[in-house]
Amino acid sequence: MTKKVTFNIFENELVPKHEILSEEEKRKLLERLNITEKQLPKILEKDPAARALGAKKGDVIKITRRSPTAGEYHYYRLVI
């Protein structure tokens, strides 16, 4: 049995911004990094953030994090 998220996890200040890339953005990212999607770090489809976004297998999620020393930086995860 799968439980549904009953609150918005992105309202928590400790959860960084997550967004699903479009197919075009995904293609450009993979081309820029010169990698295949299988080489990206993974995130499970059942991860609370992925579920809240409605992400499906094969989607790429862009995670924007903030750091007092590095500023803003991005991580990308392939939904599996």
PDB file of N, CA and C in Angstrom:
ATOM      1  N   MET A   1       0.845  -1.179   0.000  1.00  0.00           N
ATOM      2  CA  MET A   1       0.000   0.000   0.000  1.00  0.00           C
ATOM      3  C   MET A   1       0.890   1.242   0.000  1.00  0.00           C
ATOM      4  N   THR A   2       0.622   2.146  -0.929  1.00  0.00           N
ATOM      5  CA  THR A   2       1.379   3.377  -1.042  1.00  0.00           C
ATOM      6  C   THR A   2       0.647   4.495  -0.323  1.00  0.00           C
ATOM      7  N   LYS A   3       1.373   5.175   0.535  1.00  0.00           N
ATOM      8  CA  LYS A   3       0.782   6.306   1.252  1.00  0.00           C
ATOM      9  C   LYS A   3       1.007   7.572   0.452  1.00  0.00           C
ATOM     10  N   LYS A   4       0.035   8.459   0.468  1.00  0.00           N
ATOM     11  CA  LYS A   4       0.151   9.742  -0.216  1.00  0.00           C
ATOM     12  C   LYS A   4       0.706  10.783   0.746  1.00  0.00           C
ATOM     13  N   VAL A   5       1.476  11.712   0.194  1.00  0.00           N
ATOM     14  CA  VAL A   5       1.998  12.823   0.979  1.00  0.00           C
ATOM     15  C   VAL A   5       0.815  13.752   1.259  1.00  0.00           C
ATOM     16  N   THR A   6       0.609  14.068   2.524  1.00  0.00           N
ATOM     17  CA  THR A   6      -0.540  14.896   2.884  1.00  0.00           C
ATOM     18  C   THR A   6      -0.157  16.339   3.200  1.00  0.00           C
ATOM     19  N   PHE A   7       1.085  16.692   2.994  1.00  0.00           N
ATOM     20  CA  PHE A   7       1.533  18.066   3.208  1.00  0.00           C
ATOM     21  C   PHE A   7       2.578  18.390   2.150  1.00  0.00           C
ATOM     22  N   ASN A   8       2.866  19.656   1.939  1.00  0.00           N
ATOM     23  CA  ASN A   8       3.830  20.086   0.937  1.00  0.00           C
ATOM     24  C   ASN A   8       5.227  20.082   1.558  1.00  0.00           C
ATOM     25  N   ILE A   9       6.033  19.089   1.195  1.00  0.00           N
ATOM     26  CA  ILE A   9       7.377  18.981   1.782  1.00  0.00           C
ATOM     27  C   ILE A   9       8.280  20.134   1.363  1.00  0.00           C
ATOM     28  N   PHE A  10       7.947  20.797   0.257  1.00  0.00           N
ATOM     29  CA  PHE A  10       8.784  21.893  -0.232  1.00  0.00           C
ATOM     30  C   PHE A  10       8.614  23.172   0.575  1.00  0.00           C
ATOM     31  N   GLU A  11       7.647  23.199   1.479  1.00  0.00           N
ATOM     32  CA  GLU A  11       7.486  24.350   2.364  1.00  0.00           C
ATOM     33  C   GLU A  11       8.509  24.325   3.500  1.00  0.00           C
ATOM     34  N   ASN A  12       9.141  23.179   3.714  1.00  0.00           N
ATOM     35  CA  ASN A  12      10.164  23.065   4.744  1.00  0.00           C
ATOM     36  C   ASN A  12      11.445  23.723   4.244  1.00  0.00           C
ATOM     37  N   GLU A  13      12.028  24.599   5.044  1.00  0.00           N
ATOM     38  CA  GLU A  13      13.229  25.333   4.622  1.00  0.00           C
ATOM     39  C   GLU A  13      14.438  24.433   4.396  1.00  0.00           C
ATOM     40  N   LEU A  14      14.431  23.227   4.924  1.00  0.00           N
ATOM     41  CA  LEU A  14      15.560  22.317   4.746  1.00  0.00           C
ATOM     42  C   LEU A  14      15.491  21.513   3.444  1.00  0.00           C
ATOM     43  N   VAL A  15      14.347  21.554   2.766  1.00  0.00           N
ATOM     44  CA  VAL A  15      14.188  20.818   1.512  1.00  0.00           C
ATOM     45  C   VAL A  15      14.516  21.759   0.355  1.00  0.00           C
ATOM     46  N   PRO A  16      15.553  21.420  -0.451  1.00  0.00           N
ATOM     47  CA  PRO A  16      15.913  22.301  -1.559  1.00  0.00           C
ATOM     48  C   PRO A  16      14.861  22.269  -2.674  1.00  0.00           C
ATOM     49  N   LYS A  17      14.962  23.224  -3.573  1.00  0.00           N
ATOM     50  CA  LYS A  17      14.025  23.312  -4.699  1.00  0.00           C
ATOM     51  C   LYS A  17      14.254  22.136  -5.644  1.00  0.00           C
ATOM     52  N   HIS A  18      13.177  21.481  -6.059  1.00  0.00           N
ATOM     53  CA  HIS A  18      13.209  20.376  -7.008  1.00  0.00           C
ATOM     54  C   HIS A  18      12.335  20.757  -8.196  1.00  0.00           C
ATOM     55  N   GLU A  19      12.767  20.409  -9.404  1.00  0.00           N
ATOM     56  CA  GLU A  19      11.934  20.613 -10.580  1.00  0.00           C
ATOM     57  C   GLU A  19      12.271  19.563 -11.633  1.00  0.00           C
ATOM     58  N   ILE A  20      11.266  19.162 -12.389  1.00  0.00           N
ATOM     59  CA  ILE A  20      11.455  18.173 -13.445  1.00  0.00           C
ATOM     60  C   ILE A  20      11.879  18.898 -14.715  1.00  0.00           C
ATOM     61  N   LEU A  21      12.942  18.401 -15.347  1.00  0.00           N
ATOM     62  CA  LEU A  21      13.391  18.993 -16.601  1.00  0.00           C
ATOM     63  C   LEU A  21      12.495  18.544 -17.747  1.00  0.00           C
ATOM     64  N   SER A  22      12.316  19.416 -18.724  1.00  0.00           N
ATOM     65  CA  SER A  22      11.597  19.036 -19.941  1.00  0.00           C
ATOM     66  C   SER A  22      12.507  18.099 -20.744  1.00  0.00           C
ATOM     67  N   GLU A  23      11.945  17.441 -21.738  1.00  0.00           N
ATOM     68  CA  GLU A  23      12.754  16.546 -22.573  1.00  0.00           C
ATOM     69  C   GLU A  23      13.869  17.312 -23.266  1.00  0.00           C
ATOM     70  N   GLU A  24      13.586  18.542 -23.697  1.00  0.00           N
ATOM     71  CA  GLU A  24      14.599  19.368 -24.358  1.00  0.00           C
ATOM     72  C   GLU A  24      15.712  19.750 -23.374  1.00  0.00           C
ATOM     73  N   GLU A  25      15.340  20.149 -22.166  1.00  0.00           N
ATOM     74  CA  GLU A  25      16.337  20.491 -21.142  1.00  0.00           C
ATOM     75  C   GLU A  25      17.178  19.264 -20.799  1.00  0.00           C
ATOM     76  N   LYS A  26      16.536  18.117 -20.709  1.00  0.00           N
ATOM     77  CA  LYS A  26      17.238  16.861 -20.414  1.00  0.00           C
ATOM     78  C   LYS A  26      18.256  16.553 -21.513  1.00  0.00           C
ATOM     79  N   ARG A  27      17.836  16.681 -22.769  1.00  0.00           N
ATOM     80  CA  ARG A  27      18.728  16.414 -23.902  1.00  0.00           C
ATOM     81  C   ARG A  27      19.930  17.354 -23.878  1.00  0.00           C
ATOM     82  N   LYS A  28      19.687  18.651 -23.627  1.00  0.00           N
ATOM     83  CA  LYS A  28      20.780  19.628 -23.587  1.00  0.00           C
ATOM     84  C   LYS A  28      21.739  19.350 -22.433  1.00  0.00           C
ATOM     85  N   LEU A  29      21.196  18.956 -21.275  1.00  0.00           N
ATOM     86  CA  LEU A  29      22.037  18.641 -20.118  1.00  0.00           C
ATOM     87  C   LEU A  29      22.965  17.470 -20.435  1.00  0.00           C
ATOM     88  N   LEU A  30      22.392  16.392 -20.961  1.00  0.00           N
ATOM     89  CA  LEU A  30      23.192  15.204 -21.268  1.00  0.00           C
ATOM     90  C   LEU A  30      24.245  15.515 -22.322  1.00  0.00           C
ATOM     91  N   GLU A  31      23.875  16.338 -23.301  1.00  0.00           N
ATOM     92  CA  GLU A  31      24.819  16.740 -24.345  1.00  0.00           C
ATOM     93  C   GLU A  31      25.943  17.590 -23.758  1.00  0.00           C
ATOM     94  N   ARG A  32      25.575  18.545 -22.901  1.00  0.00           N
ATOM     95  CA  ARG A  32      26.576  19.438 -22.281  1.00  0.00           C
ATOM     96  C   ARG A  32      27.556  18.662 -21.414  1.00  0.00           C
ATOM     97  N   LEU A  33      27.033  17.678 -20.680  1.00  0.00           N
ATOM     98  CA  LEU A  33      27.890  16.886 -19.794  1.00  0.00           C
ATOM     99  C   LEU A  33      28.555  15.717 -20.510  1.00  0.00           C
ATOM    100  N   ASN A  34      28.116  15.474 -21.761  1.00  0.00           N
ATOM    101  CA  ASN A  34      28.641  14.381 -22.572  1.00  0.00           C
ATOM    102  C   ASN A  34      28.503  13.030 -21.844  1.00  0.00           C
ATOM    103  N   ILE A  35      27.280  12.772 -21.360  1.00  0.00           N
ATOM    104  CA  ILE A  35      26.987  11.529 -20.650  1.00  0.00           C
ATOM    105  C   ILE A  35      25.649  10.972 -21.138  1.00  0.00           C
ATOM    106  N   THR A  36      25.368   9.735 -20.734  1.00  0.00           N
ATOM    107  CA  THR A  36      24.045   9.160 -20.980  1.00  0.00           C
ATOM    108  C   THR A  36      23.234   9.325 -19.701  1.00  0.00           C
ATOM    109  N   GLU A  37      21.913   9.197 -19.815  1.00  0.00           N
ATOM    110  CA  GLU A  37      21.081   9.376 -18.619  1.00  0.00           C
ATOM    111  C   GLU A  37      21.392   8.332 -17.560  1.00  0.00           C
ATOM    112  N   LYS A  38      21.853   7.155 -17.961  1.00  0.00           N
ATOM    113  CA  LYS A  38      22.179   6.102 -16.994  1.00  0.00           C
ATOM    114  C   LYS A  38      23.385   6.458 -16.128  1.00  0.00           C
ATOM    115  N   GLN A  39      24.162   7.457 -16.546  1.00  0.00           N
ATOM    116  CA  GLN A  39      25.326   7.890 -15.776  1.00  0.00           C
ATOM    117  C   GLN A  39      24.981   8.930 -14.716  1.00  0.00           C
ATOM    118  N   LEU A  40      23.751   9.432 -14.726  1.00  0.00           N
ATOM    119  CA  LEU A  40      23.328  10.394 -13.703  1.00  0.00           C
ATOM    120  C   LEU A  40      23.088   9.683 -12.378  1.00  0.00           C
ATOM    121  N   PRO A  41      23.276  10.388 -11.273  1.00  0.00           N
ATOM    122  CA  PRO A  41      22.886   9.823  -9.976  1.00  0.00           C
ATOM    123  C   PRO A  41      21.387   9.535  -9.996  1.00  0.00           C
ATOM    124  N   LYS A  42      20.956   8.604  -9.191  1.00  0.00           N
ATOM    125  CA  LYS A  42      19.564   8.150  -9.208  1.00  0.00           C
ATOM    126  C   LYS A  42      18.763   8.697  -8.037  1.00  0.00           C
ATOM    127  N   ILE A  43      17.439   8.739  -8.250  1.00  0.00           N
ATOM    128  CA  ILE A  43      16.484   9.040  -7.190  1.00  0.00           C
ATOM    129  C   ILE A  43      15.303   8.104  -7.436  1.00  0.00           C
ATOM    130  N   LEU A  44      14.802   7.514  -6.387  1.00  0.00           N
ATOM    131  CA  LEU A  44      13.696   6.571  -6.536  1.00  0.00           C
ATOM    132  C   LEU A  44      12.396   7.296  -6.843  1.00  0.00           C
ATOM    133  N   GLU A  45      11.558   6.668  -7.652  1.00  0.00           N
ATOM    134  CA  GLU A  45      10.248   7.219  -7.985  1.00  0.00           C
ATOM    135  C   GLU A  45       9.401   7.382  -6.725  1.00  0.00           C
ATOM    136  N   LYS A  46       9.661   6.545  -5.723  1.00  0.00           N
ATOM    137  CA  LYS A  46       8.889   6.621  -4.482  1.00  0.00           C
ATOM    138  C   LYS A  46       9.493   7.584  -3.451  1.00  0.00           C
ATOM    139  N   ASP A  47      10.587   8.266  -3.793  1.00  0.00           N
ATOM    140  CA  ASP A  47      11.158   9.289  -2.921  1.00  0.00           C
ATOM    141  C   ASP A  47      10.087  10.357  -2.678  1.00  0.00           C
ATOM    142  N   PRO A  48       9.952  10.857  -1.458  1.00  0.00           N
ATOM    143  CA  PRO A  48       8.898  11.843  -1.171  1.00  0.00           C
ATOM    144  C   PRO A  48       8.919  13.068  -2.094  1.00  0.00           C
ATOM    145  N   ALA A  49      10.086  13.577  -2.420  1.00  0.00           N
ATOM    146  CA  ALA A  49      10.163  14.751  -3.304  1.00  0.00           C
ATOM    147  C   ALA A  49       9.724  14.392  -4.718  1.00  0.00           C
ATOM    148  N   ALA A  50      10.167  13.244  -5.213  1.00  0.00           N
ATOM    149  CA  ALA A  50       9.777  12.805  -6.557  1.00  0.00           C
ATOM    150  C   ALA A  50       8.272  12.564  -6.622  1.00  0.00           C
ATOM    151  N   ARG A  51       7.719  11.960  -5.596  1.00  0.00           N
ATOM    152  CA  ARG A  51       6.277  11.711  -5.551  1.00  0.00           C
ATOM    153  C   ARG A  51       5.503  13.028  -5.515  1.00  0.00           C
ATOM    154  N   ALA A  52       5.988  13.986  -4.723  1.00  0.00           N
ATOM    155  CA  ALA A  52       5.304  15.280  -4.616  1.00  0.00           C
ATOM    156  C   ALA A  52       5.306  16.016  -5.955  1.00  0.00           C
ATOM    157  N   LEU A  53       6.362  15.825  -6.753  1.00  0.00           N
ATOM    158  CA  LEU A  53       6.446  16.455  -8.071  1.00  0.00           C
ATOM    159  C   LEU A  53       5.638  15.710  -9.126  1.00  0.00           C
ATOM    160  N   GLY A  54       5.325  14.446  -8.841  1.00  0.00           N
ATOM    161  CA  GLY A  54       4.653  13.611  -9.835  1.00  0.00           C
ATOM    162  C   GLY A  54       5.634  13.077 -10.865  1.00  0.00           C
ATOM    163  N   ALA A  55       6.904  12.909 -10.473  1.00  0.00           N
ATOM    164  CA  ALA A  55       7.940  12.438 -11.386  1.00  0.00           C
ATOM    165  C   ALA A  55       7.726  10.967 -11.744  1.00  0.00           C
ATOM    166  N   LYS A  56       8.043  10.647 -12.989  1.00  0.00           N
ATOM    167  CA  LYS A  56       7.928   9.283 -13.500  1.00  0.00           C
ATOM    168  C   LYS A  56       9.314   8.746 -13.840  1.00  0.00           C
ATOM    169  N   LYS A  57       9.425   7.425 -13.946  1.00  0.00           N
ATOM    170  CA  LYS A  57      10.696   6.810 -14.328  1.00  0.00           C
ATOM    171  C   LYS A  57      11.179   7.410 -15.639  1.00  0.00           C
ATOM    172  N   GLY A  58      12.469   7.756 -15.670  1.00  0.00           N
ATOM    173  CA  GLY A  58      13.062   8.360 -16.859  1.00  0.00           C
ATOM    174  C   GLY A  58      13.138   9.876 -16.799  1.00  0.00           C
ATOM    175  N   ASP A  59      12.387  10.497 -15.884  1.00  0.00           N
ATOM    176  CA  ASP A  59      12.472  11.952 -15.717  1.00  0.00           C
ATOM    177  C   ASP A  59      13.799  12.318 -15.070  1.00  0.00           C
ATOM    178  N   VAL A  60      14.260  13.535 -15.323  1.00  0.00           N
ATOM    179  CA  VAL A  60      15.445  14.065 -14.652  1.00  0.00           C
ATOM    180  C   VAL A  60      14.987  15.210 -13.765  1.00  0.00           C
ATOM    181  N   ILE A  61      15.366  15.145 -12.500  1.00  0.00           N
ATOM    182  CA  ILE A  61      15.015  16.181 -11.535  1.00  0.00           C
ATOM    183  C   ILE A  61      16.241  17.056 -11.288  1.00  0.00           C
ATOM    184  N   LYS A  62      16.020  18.364 -11.374  1.00  0.00           N
ATOM    185  CA  LYS A  62      17.064  19.348 -11.074  1.00  0.00           C
ATOM    186  C   LYS A  62      16.831  19.813  -9.639  1.00  0.00           C
ATOM    187  N   ILE A  63      17.854  19.678  -8.807  1.00  0.00           N
ATOM    188  CA  ILE A  63      17.778  20.078  -7.405  1.00  0.00           C
ATOM    189  C   ILE A  63      18.683  21.284  -7.216  1.00  0.00           C
ATOM    190  N   THR A  64      18.093  22.394  -6.757  1.00  0.00           N
ATOM    191  CA  THR A  64      18.852  23.626  -6.560  1.00  0.00           C
ATOM    192  C   THR A  64      19.106  23.794  -5.072  1.00  0.00           C
ATOM    193  N   ARG A  65      20.368  23.792  -4.721  1.00  0.00           N
ATOM    194  CA  ARG A  65      20.759  23.941  -3.313  1.00  0.00           C
ATOM    195  C   ARG A  65      21.488  25.258  -3.119  1.00  0.00           C
ATOM    196  N   ARG A  66      21.429  25.750  -1.912  1.00  0.00           N
ATOM    197  CA  ARG A  66      22.135  26.997  -1.567  1.00  0.00           C
ATOM    198  C   ARG A  66      23.204  26.687  -0.519  1.00  0.00           C
ATOM    199  N   SER A  67      24.307  27.413  -0.641  1.00  0.00           N
ATOM    200  CA  SER A  67      25.414  27.256   0.295  1.00  0.00           C
ATOM    201  C   SER A  67      25.966  28.628   0.609  1.00  0.00           C
ATOM    202  N   PRO A  68      26.293  28.895   1.876  1.00  0.00           N
ATOM    203  CA  PRO A  68      26.860  30.206   2.211  1.00  0.00           C
ATOM    204  C   PRO A  68      28.220  30.431   1.557  1.00  0.00           C
ATOM    205  N   THR A  69      28.937  29.371   1.235  1.00  0.00           N
ATOM    206  CA  THR A  69      30.261  29.532   0.627  1.00  0.00           C
ATOM    207  C   THR A  69      30.250  29.356  -0.882  1.00  0.00           C
ATOM    208  N   ALA A  70      29.425  28.451  -1.394  1.00  0.00           N
ATOM    209  CA  ALA A  70      29.416  28.167  -2.834  1.00  0.00           C
ATOM    210  C   ALA A  70      28.293  28.892  -3.568  1.00  0.00           C
ATOM    211  N   GLY A  71      27.392  29.522  -2.847  1.00  0.00           N
ATOM    212  CA  GLY A  71      26.258  30.174  -3.497  1.00  0.00           C
ATOM    213  C   GLY A  71      25.198  29.157  -3.870  1.00  0.00           C
ATOM    214  N   GLU A  72      24.695  29.255  -5.078  1.00  0.00           N
ATOM    215  CA  GLU A  72      23.658  28.336  -5.547  1.00  0.00           C
ATOM    216  C   GLU A  72      24.283  27.325  -6.509  1.00  0.00           C
ATOM    217  N   TYR A  73      23.930  26.065  -6.368  1.00  0.00           N
ATOM    218  CA  TYR A  73      24.449  25.036  -7.263  1.00  0.00           C
ATOM    219  C   TYR A  73      23.364  23.999  -7.524  1.00  0.00           C
ATOM    220  N   HIS A  74      23.548  23.220  -8.596  1.00  0.00           N
ATOM    221  CA  HIS A  74      22.526  22.292  -9.052  1.00  0.00           C
ATOM    222  C   HIS A  74      23.027  20.858  -9.049  1.00  0.00           C
ATOM    223  N   TYR A  75      22.117  19.965  -8.684  1.00  0.00           N
ATOM    224  CA  TYR A  75      22.326  18.531  -8.788  1.00  0.00           C
ATOM    225  C   TYR A  75      21.246  17.992  -9.708  1.00  0.00           C
ATOM    226  N   TYR A  76      21.551  16.944 -10.419  1.00  0.00           N
ATOM    227  CA  TYR A  76      20.576  16.324 -11.306  1.00  0.00           C
ATOM    228  C   TYR A  76      20.462  14.856 -10.939  1.00  0.00           C
ATOM    229  N   ARG A  77      19.225  14.350 -10.914  1.00  0.00           N
ATOM    230  CA  ARG A  77      18.967  12.966 -10.550  1.00  0.00           C
ATOM    231  C   ARG A  77      18.017  12.348 -11.569  1.00  0.00           C
ATOM    232  N   LEU A  78      18.305  11.108 -11.963  1.00  0.00           N
ATOM    233  CA  LEU A  78      17.438  10.351 -12.844  1.00  0.00           C
ATOM    234  C   LEU A  78      16.452   9.561 -11.996  1.00  0.00           C
ATOM    235  N   VAL A  79      15.175   9.658 -12.306  1.00  0.00           N
ATOM    236  CA  VAL A  79      14.147   8.938 -11.567  1.00  0.00           C
ATOM    237  C   VAL A  79      14.126   7.490 -12.045  1.00  0.00           C
ATOM    238  N   ILE A  80      14.270   6.567 -11.076  1.00  0.00           N
ATOM    239  CA  ILE A  80      14.221   5.135 -11.407  1.00  0.00           C
ATOM    240  C   ILE A  80      13.102   4.461 -10.652  1.00  0.00           C
TER     241      ILE A  80
END
